[in-house]
Amino acid sequence: MFDLQNIRRAARISQVELSRRAEISRPRLSAAENGYLELTTDELRRIHAVVSEEPSRRAERIRQAFTEGTLATA
């Protein structure tokens, strides 16, 4: 089985955010991370979609911050 907690942490996304974006209740996600239940194939696909897009999302936020001048320069 997948180590969902390590996957989520590697994507640098909180449990609350992942549950919201993957449309899985936070208690259900927590139970799956702790090995108390197995998620459905559809739930795993939604998690995969969220964690796969996260690096691009972060990069876009950084680009926007530079474009808008909201990041302090060193």
PDB file of N, CA and C in Angstrom:
ATOM      1  N   MET A   1       0.844  -1.196   0.000  1.00  0.00           N
ATOM      2  CA  MET A   1       0.000   0.000   0.000  1.00  0.00           C
ATOM      3  C   MET A   1       0.882   1.250   0.000  1.00  0.00           C
ATOM      4  N   PHE A   2       0.313   2.360  -0.386  1.00  0.00           N
ATOM      5  CA  PHE A   2       1.019   3.636  -0.468  1.00  0.00           C
ATOM      6  C   PHE A   2       1.197   4.239   0.921  1.00  0.00           C
ATOM      7  N   ASP A   3       2.291   4.960   1.099  1.00  0.00           N
ATOM      8  CA  ASP A   3       2.478   5.736   2.321  1.00  0.00           C
ATOM      9  C   ASP A   3       1.930   7.134   2.033  1.00  0.00           C
ATOM     10  N   LEU A   4       0.629   7.276   2.211  1.00  0.00           N
ATOM     11  CA  LEU A   4      -0.050   8.525   1.842  1.00  0.00           C
ATOM     12  C   LEU A   4       0.493   9.732   2.580  1.00  0.00           C
ATOM     13  N   GLN A   5       0.828   9.562   3.839  1.00  0.00           N
ATOM     14  CA  GLN A   5       1.328  10.698   4.614  1.00  0.00           C
ATOM     15  C   GLN A   5       2.643  11.208   4.026  1.00  0.00           C
ATOM     16  N   ASN A   6       3.554  10.314   3.674  1.00  0.00           N
ATOM     17  CA  ASN A   6       4.825  10.753   3.084  1.00  0.00           C
ATOM     18  C   ASN A   6       4.620  11.366   1.707  1.00  0.00           C
ATOM     19  N   ILE A   7       3.694  10.820   0.936  1.00  0.00           N
ATOM     20  CA  ILE A   7       3.378  11.399  -0.371  1.00  0.00           C
ATOM     21  C   ILE A   7       2.853  12.817  -0.193  1.00  0.00           C
ATOM     22  N   ARG A   8       1.926  12.990   0.740  1.00  0.00           N
ATOM     23  CA  ARG A   8       1.343  14.317   0.991  1.00  0.00           C
ATOM     24  C   ARG A   8       2.413  15.291   1.470  1.00  0.00           C
ATOM     25  N   ARG A   9       3.251  14.848   2.377  1.00  0.00           N
ATOM     26  CA  ARG A   9       4.307  15.726   2.894  1.00  0.00           C
ATOM     27  C   ARG A   9       5.322  16.078   1.814  1.00  0.00           C
ATOM     28  N   ALA A  10       5.642  15.114   0.957  1.00  0.00           N
ATOM     29  CA  ALA A  10       6.580  15.390  -0.140  1.00  0.00           C
ATOM     30  C   ALA A  10       6.017  16.453  -1.076  1.00  0.00           C
ATOM     31  N   ALA A  11       4.693  16.474  -1.217  1.00  0.00           N
ATOM     32  CA  ALA A  11       4.040  17.486  -2.048  1.00  0.00           C
ATOM     33  C   ALA A  11       3.906  18.814  -1.311  1.00  0.00           C
ATOM     34  N   ARG A  12       4.265  18.827  -0.035  1.00  0.00           N
ATOM     35  CA  ARG A  12       4.191  20.023   0.817  1.00  0.00           C
ATOM     36  C   ARG A  12       2.777  20.585   0.861  1.00  0.00           C
ATOM     37  N   ILE A  13       1.856  19.693   1.166  1.00  0.00           N
ATOM     38  CA  ILE A  13       0.457  20.091   1.231  1.00  0.00           C
ATOM     39  C   ILE A  13      -0.125  19.570   2.542  1.00  0.00           C
ATOM     40  N   SER A  14      -0.933  20.375   3.177  1.00  0.00           N
ATOM     41  CA  SER A  14      -1.524  19.959   4.452  1.00  0.00           C
ATOM     42  C   SER A  14      -2.624  18.934   4.222  1.00  0.00           C
ATOM     43  N   GLN A  15      -2.920  18.209   5.263  1.00  0.00           N
ATOM     44  CA  GLN A  15      -4.003  17.237   5.198  1.00  0.00           C
ATOM     45  C   GLN A  15      -5.329  17.925   4.906  1.00  0.00           C
ATOM     46  N   VAL A  16      -5.546  19.055   5.509  1.00  0.00           N
ATOM     47  CA  VAL A  16      -6.782  19.813   5.290  1.00  0.00           C
ATOM     48  C   VAL A  16      -6.886  20.237   3.821  1.00  0.00           C
ATOM     49  N   GLU A  17      -5.808  20.761   3.271  1.00  0.00           N
ATOM     50  CA  GLU A  17      -5.818  21.210   1.878  1.00  0.00           C
ATOM     51  C   GLU A  17      -6.009  20.039   0.924  1.00  0.00           C
ATOM     52  N   LEU A  18      -5.309  18.940   1.173  1.00  0.00           N
ATOM     53  CA  LEU A  18      -5.464  17.774   0.306  1.00  0.00           C
ATOM     54  C   LEU A  18      -6.885  17.237   0.369  1.00  0.00           C
ATOM     55  N   SER A  19      -7.438  17.158   1.553  1.00  0.00           N
ATOM     56  CA  SER A  19      -8.804  16.637   1.669  1.00  0.00           C
ATOM     57  C   SER A  19      -9.788  17.543   0.939  1.00  0.00           C
ATOM     58  N   ARG A  20      -9.584  18.850   1.027  1.00  0.00           N
ATOM     59  CA  ARG A  20     -10.466  19.792   0.352  1.00  0.00           C
ATOM     60  C   ARG A  20     -10.361  19.657  -1.163  1.00  0.00           C
ATOM     61  N   ARG A  21      -9.136  19.680  -1.660  1.00  0.00           N
ATOM     62  CA  ARG A  21      -8.940  19.656  -3.107  1.00  0.00           C
ATOM     63  C   ARG A  21      -9.244  18.297  -3.733  1.00  0.00           C
ATOM     64  N   ALA A  22      -9.042  17.211  -2.981  1.00  0.00           N
ATOM     65  CA  ALA A  22      -9.338  15.875  -3.508  1.00  0.00           C
ATOM     66  C   ALA A  22     -10.773  15.446  -3.195  1.00  0.00           C
ATOM     67  N   GLU A  23     -11.486  16.299  -2.473  1.00  0.00           N
ATOM     68  CA  GLU A  23     -12.878  16.031  -2.101  1.00  0.00           C
ATOM     69  C   GLU A  23     -13.030  14.723  -1.338  1.00  0.00           C
ATOM     70  N   ILE A  24     -12.171  14.578  -0.311  1.00  0.00           N
ATOM     71  CA  ILE A  24     -12.209  13.439   0.614  1.00  0.00           C
ATOM     72  C   ILE A  24     -12.249  14.039   2.008  1.00  0.00           C
ATOM     73  N   SER A  25     -13.116  13.542   2.857  1.00  0.00           N
ATOM     74  CA  SER A  25     -13.194  14.129   4.196  1.00  0.00           C
ATOM     75  C   SER A  25     -11.847  13.997   4.906  1.00  0.00           C
ATOM     76  N   ARG A  26     -11.519  14.992   5.723  1.00  0.00           N
ATOM     77  CA  ARG A  26     -10.249  14.962   6.441  1.00  0.00           C
ATOM     78  C   ARG A  26     -10.162  13.769   7.379  1.00  0.00           C
ATOM     79  N   PRO A  27     -11.230  13.420   8.118  1.00  0.00           N
ATOM     80  CA  PRO A  27     -11.129  12.219   8.956  1.00  0.00           C
ATOM     81  C   PRO A  27     -10.873  10.941   8.134  1.00  0.00           C
ATOM     82  N   ARG A  28     -11.481  10.852   6.967  1.00  0.00           N
ATOM     83  CA  ARG A  28     -11.261   9.671   6.113  1.00  0.00           C
ATOM     84  C   ARG A  28      -9.812   9.640   5.620  1.00  0.00           C
ATOM     85  N   LEU A  29      -9.293  10.780   5.207  1.00  0.00           N
ATOM     86  CA  LEU A  29      -7.905  10.856   4.770  1.00  0.00           C
ATOM     87  C   LEU A  29      -6.960  10.500   5.912  1.00  0.00           C
ATOM     88  N   SER A  30      -7.237  11.015   7.086  1.00  0.00           N
ATOM     89  CA  SER A  30      -6.419  10.714   8.258  1.00  0.00           C
ATOM     90  C   SER A  30      -6.433   9.218   8.566  1.00  0.00           C
ATOM     91  N   ALA A  31      -7.608   8.615   8.519  1.00  0.00           N
ATOM     92  CA  ALA A  31      -7.717   7.176   8.789  1.00  0.00           C
ATOM     93  C   ALA A  31      -6.919   6.377   7.762  1.00  0.00           C
ATOM     94  N   ALA A  32      -6.953   6.801   6.509  1.00  0.00           N
ATOM     95  CA  ALA A  32      -6.194   6.110   5.469  1.00  0.00           C
ATOM     96  C   ALA A  32      -4.691   6.286   5.693  1.00  0.00           C
ATOM     97  N   GLU A  33      -4.277   7.499   6.061  1.00  0.00           N
ATOM     98  CA  GLU A  33      -2.856   7.745   6.324  1.00  0.00           C
ATOM     99  C   GLU A  33      -2.349   6.896   7.476  1.00  0.00           C
ATOM    100  N   ASN A  34      -3.220   6.612   8.428  1.00  0.00           N
ATOM    101  CA  ASN A  34      -2.828   5.834   9.610  1.00  0.00           C
ATOM    102  C   ASN A  34      -3.119   4.345   9.470  1.00  0.00           C
ATOM    103  N   GLY A  35      -3.524   3.926   8.282  1.00  0.00           N
ATOM    104  CA  GLY A  35      -3.705   2.509   8.011  1.00  0.00           C
ATOM    105  C   GLY A  35      -4.990   1.887   8.515  1.00  0.00           C
ATOM    106  N   TYR A  36      -5.968   2.712   8.877  1.00  0.00           N
ATOM    107  CA  TYR A  36      -7.227   2.184   9.394  1.00  0.00           C
ATOM    108  C   TYR A  36      -8.233   1.839   8.305  1.00  0.00           C
ATOM    109  N   LEU A  37      -8.035   2.373   7.102  1.00  0.00           N
ATOM    110  CA  LEU A  37      -8.929   2.036   5.984  1.00  0.00           C
ATOM    111  C   LEU A  37      -8.197   2.244   4.685  1.00  0.00           C
ATOM    112  N   GLU A  38      -8.726   1.630   3.643  1.00  0.00           N
ATOM    113  CA  GLU A  38      -8.167   1.803   2.309  1.00  0.00           C
ATOM    114  C   GLU A  38      -9.089   2.705   1.505  1.00  0.00           C
ATOM    115  N   LEU A  39      -8.485   3.626   0.796  1.00  0.00           N
ATOM    116  CA  LEU A  39      -9.258   4.518  -0.047  1.00  0.00           C
ATOM    117  C   LEU A  39      -9.648   3.796  -1.331  1.00  0.00           C
ATOM    118  N   THR A  40     -10.696   4.296  -1.953  1.00  0.00           N
ATOM    119  CA  THR A  40     -11.131   3.723  -3.222  1.00  0.00           C
ATOM    120  C   THR A  40     -10.157   4.127  -4.321  1.00  0.00           C
ATOM    121  N   THR A  41     -10.240   3.443  -5.435  1.00  0.00           N
ATOM    122  CA  THR A  41      -9.407   3.781  -6.590  1.00  0.00           C
ATOM    123  C   THR A  41      -9.672   5.210  -7.039  1.00  0.00           C
ATOM    124  N   ASP A  42     -10.928   5.607  -7.030  1.00  0.00           N
ATOM    125  CA  ASP A  42     -11.277   6.976  -7.422  1.00  0.00           C
ATOM    126  C   ASP A  42     -10.663   7.997  -6.464  1.00  0.00           C
ATOM    127  N   GLU A  43     -10.705   7.730  -5.175  1.00  0.00           N
ATOM    128  CA  GLU A  43     -10.097   8.642  -4.191  1.00  0.00           C
ATOM    129  C   GLU A  43      -8.589   8.737  -4.414  1.00  0.00           C
ATOM    130  N   LEU A  44      -7.949   7.598  -4.666  1.00  0.00           N
ATOM    131  CA  LEU A  44      -6.510   7.608  -4.926  1.00  0.00           C
ATOM    132  C   LEU A  44      -6.175   8.378  -6.194  1.00  0.00           C
ATOM    133  N   ARG A  45      -6.999   8.275  -7.199  1.00  0.00           N
ATOM    134  CA  ARG A  45      -6.785   9.053  -8.434  1.00  0.00           C
ATOM    135  C   ARG A  45      -6.882  10.550  -8.159  1.00  0.00           C
ATOM    136  N   ARG A  46      -7.859  10.933  -7.348  1.00  0.00           N
ATOM    137  CA  ARG A  46      -8.013  12.366  -7.035  1.00  0.00           C
ATOM    138  C   ARG A  46      -6.815  12.867  -6.231  1.00  0.00           C
ATOM    139  N   ILE A  47      -6.335  12.062  -5.297  1.00  0.00           N
ATOM    140  CA  ILE A  47      -5.141  12.450  -4.527  1.00  0.00           C
ATOM    141  C   ILE A  47      -3.955  12.588  -5.473  1.00  0.00           C
ATOM    142  N   HIS A  48      -3.791  11.638  -6.359  1.00  0.00           N
ATOM    143  CA  HIS A  48      -2.694  11.686  -7.322  1.00  0.00           C
ATOM    144  C   HIS A  48      -2.750  12.970  -8.148  1.00  0.00           C
ATOM    145  N   ALA A  49      -3.932  13.329  -8.592  1.00  0.00           N
ATOM    146  CA  ALA A  49      -4.087  14.548  -9.396  1.00  0.00           C
ATOM    147  C   ALA A  49      -3.666  15.779  -8.604  1.00  0.00           C
ATOM    148  N   VAL A  50      -4.062  15.842  -7.341  1.00  0.00           N
ATOM    149  CA  VAL A  50      -3.739  17.005  -6.506  1.00  0.00           C
ATOM    150  C   VAL A  50      -2.238  17.087  -6.249  1.00  0.00           C
ATOM    151  N   VAL A  51      -1.624  16.001  -5.798  1.00  0.00           N
ATOM    152  CA  VAL A  51      -0.198  16.070  -5.463  1.00  0.00           C
ATOM    153  C   VAL A  51       0.662  16.231  -6.711  1.00  0.00           C
ATOM    154  N   SER A  52       0.186  15.747  -7.848  1.00  0.00           N
ATOM    155  CA  SER A  52       0.945  15.896  -9.093  1.00  0.00           C
ATOM    156  C   SER A  52       0.971  17.334  -9.581  1.00  0.00           C
ATOM    157  N   GLU A  53      -0.100  18.064  -9.346  1.00  0.00           N
ATOM    158  CA  GLU A  53      -0.146  19.449  -9.824  1.00  0.00           C
ATOM    159  C   GLU A  53       0.448  20.438  -8.830  1.00  0.00           C
ATOM    160  N   GLU A  54       0.728  20.006  -7.616  1.00  0.00           N
ATOM    161  CA  GLU A  54       1.180  20.938  -6.574  1.00  0.00           C
ATOM    162  C   GLU A  54       2.479  21.657  -6.924  1.00  0.00           C
ATOM    163  N   PRO A  55       3.527  20.999  -7.434  1.00  0.00           N
ATOM    164  CA  PRO A  55       4.741  21.764  -7.763  1.00  0.00           C
ATOM    165  C   PRO A  55       4.475  22.876  -8.783  1.00  0.00           C
ATOM    166  N   SER A  56       3.642  22.607  -9.774  1.00  0.00           N
ATOM    167  CA  SER A  56       3.311  23.634 -10.771  1.00  0.00           C
ATOM    168  C   SER A  56       2.530  24.774 -10.142  1.00  0.00           C
ATOM    169  N   ARG A  57       1.627  24.437  -9.227  1.00  0.00           N
ATOM    170  CA  ARG A  57       0.852  25.467  -8.526  1.00  0.00           C
ATOM    171  C   ARG A  57       1.756  26.385  -7.725  1.00  0.00           C
ATOM    172  N   ARG A  58       2.716  25.777  -6.998  1.00  0.00           N
ATOM    173  CA  ARG A  58       3.649  26.580  -6.201  1.00  0.00           C
ATOM    174  C   ARG A  58       4.484  27.469  -7.103  1.00  0.00           C
ATOM    175  N   ALA A  59       4.982  26.905  -8.203  1.00  0.00           N
ATOM    176  CA  ALA A  59       5.798  27.680  -9.133  1.00  0.00           C
ATOM    177  C   ALA A  59       5.006  28.855  -9.699  1.00  0.00           C
ATOM    178  N   GLU A  60       3.749  28.640 -10.034  1.00  0.00           N
ATOM    179  CA  GLU A  60       2.912  29.717 -10.560  1.00  0.00           C
ATOM    180  C   GLU A  60       2.707  30.817  -9.519  1.00  0.00           C
ATOM    181  N   ARG A  61       2.495  30.448  -8.268  1.00  0.00           N
ATOM    182  CA  ARG A  61       2.334  31.458  -7.205  1.00  0.00           C
ATOM    183  C   ARG A  61       3.601  32.290  -7.057  1.00  0.00           C
ATOM    184  N   ILE A  62       4.750  31.641  -7.175  1.00  0.00           N
ATOM    185  CA  ILE A  62       6.028  32.367  -7.084  1.00  0.00           C
ATOM    186  C   ILE A  62       6.176  33.316  -8.268  1.00  0.00           C
ATOM    187  N   ARG A  63       5.869  32.837  -9.488  1.00  0.00           N
ATOM    188  CA  ARG A  63       5.939  33.704 -10.667  1.00  0.00           C
ATOM    189  C   ARG A  63       5.015  34.912 -10.516  1.00  0.00           C
ATOM    190  N   GLN A  64       3.808  34.681 -10.031  1.00  0.00           N
ATOM    191  CA  GLN A  64       2.858  35.776  -9.843  1.00  0.00           C
ATOM    192  C   GLN A  64       3.379  36.781  -8.832  1.00  0.00           C
ATOM    193  N   ALA A  65       3.966  36.277  -7.752  1.00  0.00           N
ATOM    194  CA  ALA A  65       4.484  37.179  -6.730  1.00  0.00           C
ATOM    195  C   ALA A  65       5.589  38.071  -7.299  1.00  0.00           C
ATOM    196  N   PHE A  66       6.470  37.504  -8.113  1.00  0.00           N
ATOM    197  CA  PHE A  66       7.516  38.309  -8.738  1.00  0.00           C
ATOM    198  C   PHE A  66       6.916  39.315  -9.714  1.00  0.00           C
ATOM    199  N   THR A  67       5.959  38.886 -10.498  1.00  0.00           N
ATOM    200  CA  THR A  67       5.326  39.759 -11.487  1.00  0.00           C
ATOM    201  C   THR A  67       4.612  40.924 -10.809  1.00  0.00           C
ATOM    202  N   GLU A  68       3.949  40.618  -9.704  1.00  0.00           N
ATOM    203  CA  GLU A  68       3.191  41.640  -8.987  1.00  0.00           C
ATOM    204  C   GLU A  68       4.072  42.431  -8.033  1.00  0.00           C
ATOM    205  N   GLY A  69       5.326  42.025  -7.893  1.00  0.00           N
ATOM    206  CA  GLY A  69       6.253  42.741  -7.026  1.00  0.00           C
ATOM    207  C   GLY A  69       5.971  42.562  -5.548  1.00  0.00           C
ATOM    208  N   THR A  70       5.362  41.442  -5.178  1.00  0.00           N
ATOM    209  CA  THR A  70       5.013  41.242  -3.758  1.00  0.00           C
ATOM    210  C   THR A  70       6.104  40.516  -2.983  1.00  0.00           C
ATOM    211  N   LEU A  71       7.143  40.029  -3.663  1.00  0.00           N
ATOM    212  CA  LEU A  71       8.247  39.394  -2.948  1.00  0.00           C
ATOM    213  C   LEU A  71       9.309  40.438  -2.690  1.00  0.00           C
ATOM    214  N   ALA A  72       9.821  40.443  -1.472  1.00  0.00           N
ATOM    215  CA  ALA A  72      10.902  41.361  -1.144  1.00  0.00           C
ATOM    216  C   ALA A  72      12.183  40.879  -1.820  1.00  0.00           C
ATOM    217  N   THR A  73      12.948  41.796  -2.339  1.00  0.00           N
ATOM    218  CA  THR A  73      14.214  41.416  -2.958  1.00  0.00           C
ATOM    219  C   THR A  73      15.288  41.360  -1.887  1.00  0.00           C
ATOM    220  N   ALA A  74      16.228  40.466  -2.098  1.00  0.00           N
ATOM    221  CA  ALA A  74      17.292  40.276  -1.098  1.00  0.00           C
ATOM    222  C   ALA A  74      18.376  41.296  -1.245  1.00  0.00           C
TER     223      ALA A  74
END
